[in-house]
C-alpha cells in the first residue's frame, strides 16, 4: 500500500489523522507519496513508536 494512494483516500486520511494528527498535511509527506507504508514508517524511525506503527498498519489494511 503506497502512501500516495492512502493520501488520496479520504477514509485512509481520516485514520492517519486520528492516529497521527497533522501527518497528512505535513509538507514532508509529499516525499513519501511513492513509498510503501512500511517503508515510510521505517523512515520515521523513533518518531513513531512500534504500537502506533502497528495500529496504523492494522486499521489501514482493514479498508
PDB file of N, CA and C in Angstrom:
ATOM      1  N   UNK A   1       0.850  -1.162   0.000  1.00  0.00           N
ATOM      2  CA  UNK A   1       0.000   0.000   0.000  1.00  0.00           C
ATOM      3  C   UNK A   1       0.908   1.240   0.000  1.00  0.00           C
ATOM      4  N   UNK A   2       0.753   2.064  -1.010  1.00  0.00           N
ATOM      5  CA  UNK A   2       1.581   3.266  -1.164  1.00  0.00           C
ATOM      6  C   UNK A   2       0.994   4.440  -0.379  1.00  0.00           C
ATOM      7  N   UNK A   3       1.870   5.261   0.148  1.00  0.00           N
ATOM      8  CA  UNK A   3       1.451   6.431   0.911  1.00  0.00           C
ATOM      9  C   UNK A   3       0.592   7.345   0.044  1.00  0.00           C
ATOM     10  N   UNK A   4       0.974   7.535  -1.203  1.00  0.00           N
ATOM     11  CA  UNK A   4       0.202   8.398  -2.099  1.00  0.00           C
ATOM     12  C   UNK A   4      -1.231   7.907  -2.278  1.00  0.00           C
ATOM     13  N   UNK A   5      -1.394   6.609  -2.395  1.00  0.00           N
ATOM     14  CA  UNK A   5      -2.731   6.025  -2.518  1.00  0.00           C
ATOM     15  C   UNK A   5      -3.544   6.292  -1.259  1.00  0.00           C
ATOM     16  N   UNK A   6      -2.902   6.145  -0.111  1.00  0.00           N
ATOM     17  CA  UNK A   6      -3.580   6.420   1.157  1.00  0.00           C
ATOM     18  C   UNK A   6      -4.005   7.878   1.249  1.00  0.00           C
ATOM     19  N   UNK A   7      -3.123   8.782   0.837  1.00  0.00           N
ATOM     20  CA  UNK A   7      -3.418  10.210   0.920  1.00  0.00           C
ATOM     21  C   UNK A   7      -4.532  10.639  -0.026  1.00  0.00           C
ATOM     22  N   UNK A   8      -4.782   9.837  -1.051  1.00  0.00           N
ATOM     23  CA  UNK A   8      -5.857  10.128  -1.997  1.00  0.00           C
ATOM     24  C   UNK A   8      -7.194   9.537  -1.549  1.00  0.00           C
ATOM     25  N   UNK A   9      -7.193   8.799  -0.463  1.00  0.00           N
ATOM     26  CA  UNK A   9      -8.384   8.125   0.053  1.00  0.00           C
ATOM     27  C   UNK A   9      -8.832   8.825   1.343  1.00  0.00           C
ATOM     28  N   UNK A  10     -10.006   9.427   1.312  1.00  0.00           N
ATOM     29  CA  UNK A  10     -10.470  10.197   2.474  1.00  0.00           C
ATOM     30  C   UNK A  10     -10.627   9.335   3.728  1.00  0.00           C
ATOM     31  N   UNK A  11     -11.004   8.071   3.574  1.00  0.00           N
ATOM     32  CA  UNK A  11     -11.121   7.190   4.742  1.00  0.00           C
ATOM     33  C   UNK A  11      -9.747   6.926   5.353  1.00  0.00           C
ATOM     34  N   UNK A  12      -8.742   6.715   4.499  1.00  0.00           N
ATOM     35  CA  UNK A  12      -7.382   6.480   4.983  1.00  0.00           C
ATOM     36  C   UNK A  12      -6.830   7.734   5.663  1.00  0.00           C
ATOM     37  N   UNK A  13      -7.106   8.892   5.079  1.00  0.00           N
ATOM     38  CA  UNK A  13      -6.642  10.151   5.677  1.00  0.00           C
ATOM     39  C   UNK A  13      -7.275  10.336   7.056  1.00  0.00           C
ATOM     40  N   UNK A  14      -8.543   9.983   7.193  1.00  0.00           N
ATOM     41  CA  UNK A  14      -9.216  10.100   8.487  1.00  0.00           C
ATOM     42  C   UNK A  14      -8.528   9.221   9.535  1.00  0.00           C
ATOM     43  N   UNK A  15      -8.130   8.016   9.143  1.00  0.00           N
ATOM     44  CA  UNK A  15      -7.410   7.121  10.055  1.00  0.00           C
ATOM     45  C   UNK A  15      -6.047   7.714  10.396  1.00  0.00           C
ATOM     46  N   UNK A  16      -5.315   8.157   9.390  1.00  0.00           N
ATOM     47  CA  UNK A  16      -4.000   8.761   9.625  1.00  0.00           C
ATOM     48  C   UNK A  16      -4.104   9.929  10.592  1.00  0.00           C
ATOM     49  N   UNK A  17      -5.080  10.787  10.370  1.00  0.00           N
ATOM     50  CA  UNK A  17      -5.228  11.977  11.208  1.00  0.00           C
ATOM     51  C   UNK A  17      -5.676  11.637  12.629  1.00  0.00           C
ATOM     52  N   UNK A  18      -6.462  10.592  12.769  1.00  0.00           N
ATOM     53  CA  UNK A  18      -6.904  10.192  14.107  1.00  0.00           C
ATOM     54  C   UNK A  18      -5.752   9.625  14.917  1.00  0.00           C
ATOM     55  N   UNK A  19      -4.888   8.861  14.254  1.00  0.00           N
ATOM     56  CA  UNK A  19      -3.788   8.203  14.955  1.00  0.00           C
ATOM     57  C   UNK A  19      -2.544   9.085  15.030  1.00  0.00           C
ATOM     58  N   UNK A  20      -2.282   9.841  13.966  1.00  0.00           N
ATOM     59  CA  UNK A  20      -1.086  10.695  13.903  1.00  0.00           C
ATOM     60  C   UNK A  20      -1.502  12.088  13.395  1.00  0.00           C
ATOM     61  N   UNK A  21      -2.138  12.882  14.257  1.00  0.00           N
ATOM     62  CA  UNK A  21      -2.660  14.191  13.831  1.00  0.00           C
ATOM     63  C   UNK A  21      -1.608  15.057  13.121  1.00  0.00           C
ATOM     64  N   UNK A  22      -2.038  15.618  11.989  1.00  0.00           N
ATOM     65  CA  UNK A  22      -1.179  16.513  11.227  1.00  0.00           C
ATOM     66  C   UNK A  22      -0.315  15.844  10.178  1.00  0.00           C
ATOM     67  N   UNK A  23      -0.254  14.522  10.178  1.00  0.00           N
ATOM     68  CA  UNK A  23       0.649  13.835   9.259  1.00  0.00           C
ATOM     69  C   UNK A  23       0.282  14.065   7.788  1.00  0.00           C
ATOM     70  N   UNK A  24      -0.998  14.091   7.480  1.00  0.00           N
ATOM     71  CA  UNK A  24      -1.385  14.222   6.072  1.00  0.00           C
ATOM     72  C   UNK A  24      -1.156  15.625   5.519  1.00  0.00           C
ATOM     73  N   UNK A  25      -1.012  16.609   6.394  1.00  0.00           N
ATOM     74  CA  UNK A  25      -0.756  17.975   5.932  1.00  0.00           C
ATOM     75  C   UNK A  25       0.692  18.409   6.132  1.00  0.00           C
ATOM     76  N   UNK A  26       1.512  17.518   6.652  1.00  0.00           N
ATOM     77  CA  UNK A  26       2.931  17.823   6.850  1.00  0.00           C
ATOM     78  C   UNK A  26       3.607  17.967   5.484  1.00  0.00           C
ATOM     79  N   UNK A  27       4.345  19.046   5.254  1.00  0.00           N
ATOM     80  CA  UNK A  27       5.000  19.242   3.954  1.00  0.00           C
ATOM     81  C   UNK A  27       5.944  18.099   3.557  1.00  0.00           C
ATOM     82  N   UNK A  28       6.484  17.401   4.520  1.00  0.00           N
ATOM     83  CA  UNK A  28       7.419  16.309   4.222  1.00  0.00           C
ATOM     84  C   UNK A  28       6.717  15.059   3.688  1.00  0.00           C
ATOM     85  N   UNK A  29       5.401  14.960   3.881  1.00  0.00           N
ATOM     86  CA  UNK A  29       4.684  13.756   3.452  1.00  0.00           C
ATOM     87  C   UNK A  29       4.747  13.584   1.936  1.00  0.00           C
ATOM     88  N   UNK A  30       4.892  14.684   1.201  1.00  0.00           N
ATOM     89  CA  UNK A  30       4.962  14.575  -0.261  1.00  0.00           C
ATOM     90  C   UNK A  30       6.174  13.750  -0.702  1.00  0.00           C
ATOM     91  N   UNK A  31       7.221  13.754   0.099  1.00  0.00           N
ATOM     92  CA  UNK A  31       8.402  12.949  -0.222  1.00  0.00           C
ATOM     93  C   UNK A  31       8.136  11.453  -0.087  1.00  0.00           C
ATOM     94  N   UNK A  32       7.112  11.097   0.675  1.00  0.00           N
ATOM     95  CA  UNK A  32       6.809   9.692   0.937  1.00  0.00           C
ATOM     96  C   UNK A  32       5.704   9.144   0.039  1.00  0.00           C
ATOM     97  N   UNK A  33       5.130   9.960  -0.824  1.00  0.00           N
ATOM     98  CA  UNK A  33       3.990   9.512  -1.640  1.00  0.00           C
ATOM     99  C   UNK A  33       4.280   8.246  -2.429  1.00  0.00           C
ATOM    100  N   UNK A  34       5.485   8.075  -2.923  1.00  0.00           N
ATOM    101  CA  UNK A  34       5.830   6.901  -3.718  1.00  0.00           C
ATOM    102  C   UNK A  34       6.308   5.717  -2.897  1.00  0.00           C
ATOM    103  N   UNK A  35       6.400   5.895  -1.592  1.00  0.00           N
ATOM    104  CA  UNK A  35       6.894   4.827  -0.709  1.00  0.00           C
ATOM    105  C   UNK A  35       5.745   3.953  -0.237  1.00  0.00           C
ATOM    106  N   UNK A  36       6.085   2.715   0.102  1.00  0.00           N
ATOM    107  CA  UNK A  36       5.092   1.870   0.750  1.00  0.00           C
ATOM    108  C   UNK A  36       4.888   2.393   2.170  1.00  0.00           C
ATOM    109  N   UNK A  37       3.768   2.025   2.759  1.00  0.00           N
ATOM    110  CA  UNK A  37       3.502   2.429   4.141  1.00  0.00           C
ATOM    111  C   UNK A  37       4.607   1.927   5.057  1.00  0.00           C
ATOM    112  N   UNK A  38       5.019   0.669   4.877  1.00  0.00           N
ATOM    113  CA  UNK A  38       6.065   0.116   5.739  1.00  0.00           C
ATOM    114  C   UNK A  38       7.385   0.865   5.585  1.00  0.00           C
ATOM    115  N   UNK A  39       7.729   1.242   4.357  1.00  0.00           N
ATOM    116  CA  UNK A  39       8.969   1.992   4.141  1.00  0.00           C
ATOM    117  C   UNK A  39       8.880   3.371   4.802  1.00  0.00           C
ATOM    118  N   UNK A  40       7.727   4.017   4.669  1.00  0.00           N
ATOM    119  CA  UNK A  40       7.552   5.337   5.282  1.00  0.00           C
ATOM    120  C   UNK A  40       7.606   5.243   6.803  1.00  0.00           C
ATOM    121  N   UNK A  41       6.971   4.215   7.353  1.00  0.00           N
ATOM    122  CA  UNK A  41       7.017   4.041   8.802  1.00  0.00           C
ATOM    123  C   UNK A  41       8.439   3.738   9.272  1.00  0.00           C
ATOM    124  N   UNK A  42       9.176   2.982   8.475  1.00  0.00           N
ATOM    125  CA  UNK A  42      10.573   2.702   8.806  1.00  0.00           C
ATOM    126  C   UNK A  42      11.417   3.966   8.771  1.00  0.00           C
ATOM    127  N   UNK A  43      11.129   4.833   7.803  1.00  0.00           N
ATOM    128  CA  UNK A  43      11.872   6.087   7.688  1.00  0.00           C
ATOM    129  C   UNK A  43      11.563   7.026   8.843  1.00  0.00           C
ATOM    130  N   UNK A  44      10.398   6.844   9.461  1.00  0.00           N
ATOM    131  CA  UNK A  44      10.020   7.687  10.598  1.00  0.00           C
ATOM    132  C   UNK A  44      10.876   7.393  11.821  1.00  0.00           C
ATOM    133  N   UNK A  45      11.479   6.226  11.827  1.00  0.00           N
ATOM    134  CA  UNK A  45      12.380   5.862  12.925  1.00  0.00           C
ATOM    135  C   UNK A  45      11.711   5.967  14.281  1.00  0.00           C
ATOM    136  N   UNK A  46      12.395   6.568  15.231  1.00  0.00           N
ATOM    137  CA  UNK A  46      11.915   6.680  16.594  1.00  0.00           C
ATOM    138  C   UNK A  46      10.830   7.714  16.803  1.00  0.00           C
ATOM    139  N   UNK A  47      10.487   8.454  15.747  1.00  0.00           N
ATOM    140  CA  UNK A  47       9.437   9.468  15.896  1.00  0.00           C
ATOM    141  C   UNK A  47       8.052   8.849  16.015  1.00  0.00           C
ATOM    142  N   UNK A  48       7.932   7.579  15.606  1.00  0.00           N
ATOM    143  CA  UNK A  48       6.664   6.858  15.712  1.00  0.00           C
ATOM    144  C   UNK A  48       6.952   5.549  16.434  1.00  0.00           C
ATOM    145  N   UNK A  49       6.272   5.340  17.570  1.00  0.00           N
ATOM    146  CA  UNK A  49       6.545   4.125  18.341  1.00  0.00           C
ATOM    147  C   UNK A  49       5.944   2.893  17.656  1.00  0.00           C
ATOM    148  N   UNK A  50       6.423   1.729  18.047  1.00  0.00           N
ATOM    149  CA  UNK A  50       6.012   0.476  17.407  1.00  0.00           C
ATOM    150  C   UNK A  50       4.515   0.215  17.519  1.00  0.00           C
ATOM    151  N   UNK A  51       3.922   0.544  18.657  1.00  0.00           N
ATOM    152  CA  UNK A  51       2.486   0.314  18.839  1.00  0.00           C
ATOM    153  C   UNK A  51       1.678   1.170  17.862  1.00  0.00           C
ATOM    154  N   UNK A  52       2.092   2.408  17.651  1.00  0.00           N
ATOM    155  CA  UNK A  52       1.399   3.296  16.714  1.00  0.00           C
ATOM    156  C   UNK A  52       1.571   2.796  15.289  1.00  0.00           C
ATOM    157  N   UNK A  53       2.764   2.354  14.947  1.00  0.00           N
ATOM    158  CA  UNK A  53       3.002   1.800  13.602  1.00  0.00           C
ATOM    159  C   UNK A  53       2.082   0.614  13.346  1.00  0.00           C
ATOM    160  N   UNK A  54       1.964  -0.275  14.326  1.00  0.00           N
ATOM    161  CA  UNK A  54       1.123  -1.459  14.147  1.00  0.00           C
ATOM    162  C   UNK A  54      -0.349  -1.072  14.054  1.00  0.00           C
ATOM    163  N   UNK A  55      -0.759  -0.113  14.849  1.00  0.00           N
ATOM    164  CA  UNK A  55      -2.148   0.357  14.800  1.00  0.00           C
ATOM    165  C   UNK A  55      -2.470   0.932  13.427  1.00  0.00           C
ATOM    166  N   UNK A  56      -1.555   1.722  12.871  1.00  0.00           N
ATOM    167  CA  UNK A  56      -1.749   2.267  11.527  1.00  0.00           C
ATOM    168  C   UNK A  56      -1.868   1.136  10.509  1.00  0.00           C
ATOM    169  N   UNK A  57      -0.960   0.177  10.568  1.00  0.00           N
ATOM    170  CA  UNK A  57      -0.999  -0.962   9.626  1.00  0.00           C
ATOM    171  C   UNK A  57      -2.337  -1.691   9.734  1.00  0.00           C
ATOM    172  N   UNK A  58      -2.748  -1.994  10.957  1.00  0.00           N
ATOM    173  CA  UNK A  58      -3.971  -2.761  11.170  1.00  0.00           C
ATOM    174  C   UNK A  58      -5.202  -2.027  10.651  1.00  0.00           C
ATOM    175  N   UNK A  59      -5.334  -0.766  11.022  1.00  0.00           N
ATOM    176  CA  UNK A  59      -6.532  -0.022  10.637  1.00  0.00           C
ATOM    177  C   UNK A  59      -6.569   0.282   9.149  1.00  0.00           C
ATOM    178  N   UNK A  60      -5.420   0.601   8.565  1.00  0.00           N
ATOM    179  CA  UNK A  60      -5.397   0.909   7.131  1.00  0.00           C
ATOM    180  C   UNK A  60      -5.590  -0.341   6.280  1.00  0.00           C
ATOM    181  N   UNK A  61      -5.102  -1.472   6.748  1.00  0.00           N
ATOM    182  CA  UNK A  61      -5.281  -2.703   5.962  1.00  0.00           C
ATOM    183  C   UNK A  61      -6.732  -3.180   5.986  1.00  0.00           C
ATOM    184  N   UNK A  62      -7.512  -2.702   6.949  1.00  0.00           N
ATOM    185  CA  UNK A  62      -8.919  -3.086   7.043  1.00  0.00           C
ATOM    186  C   UNK A  62      -9.798  -2.315   6.048  1.00  0.00           C
ATOM    187  N   UNK A  63      -9.244  -1.317   5.394  1.00  0.00           N
ATOM    188  CA  UNK A  63     -10.041  -0.531   4.424  1.00  0.00           C
ATOM    189  C   UNK A  63     -10.391  -1.359   3.203  1.00  0.00           C
TER     190      UNK A  63
END
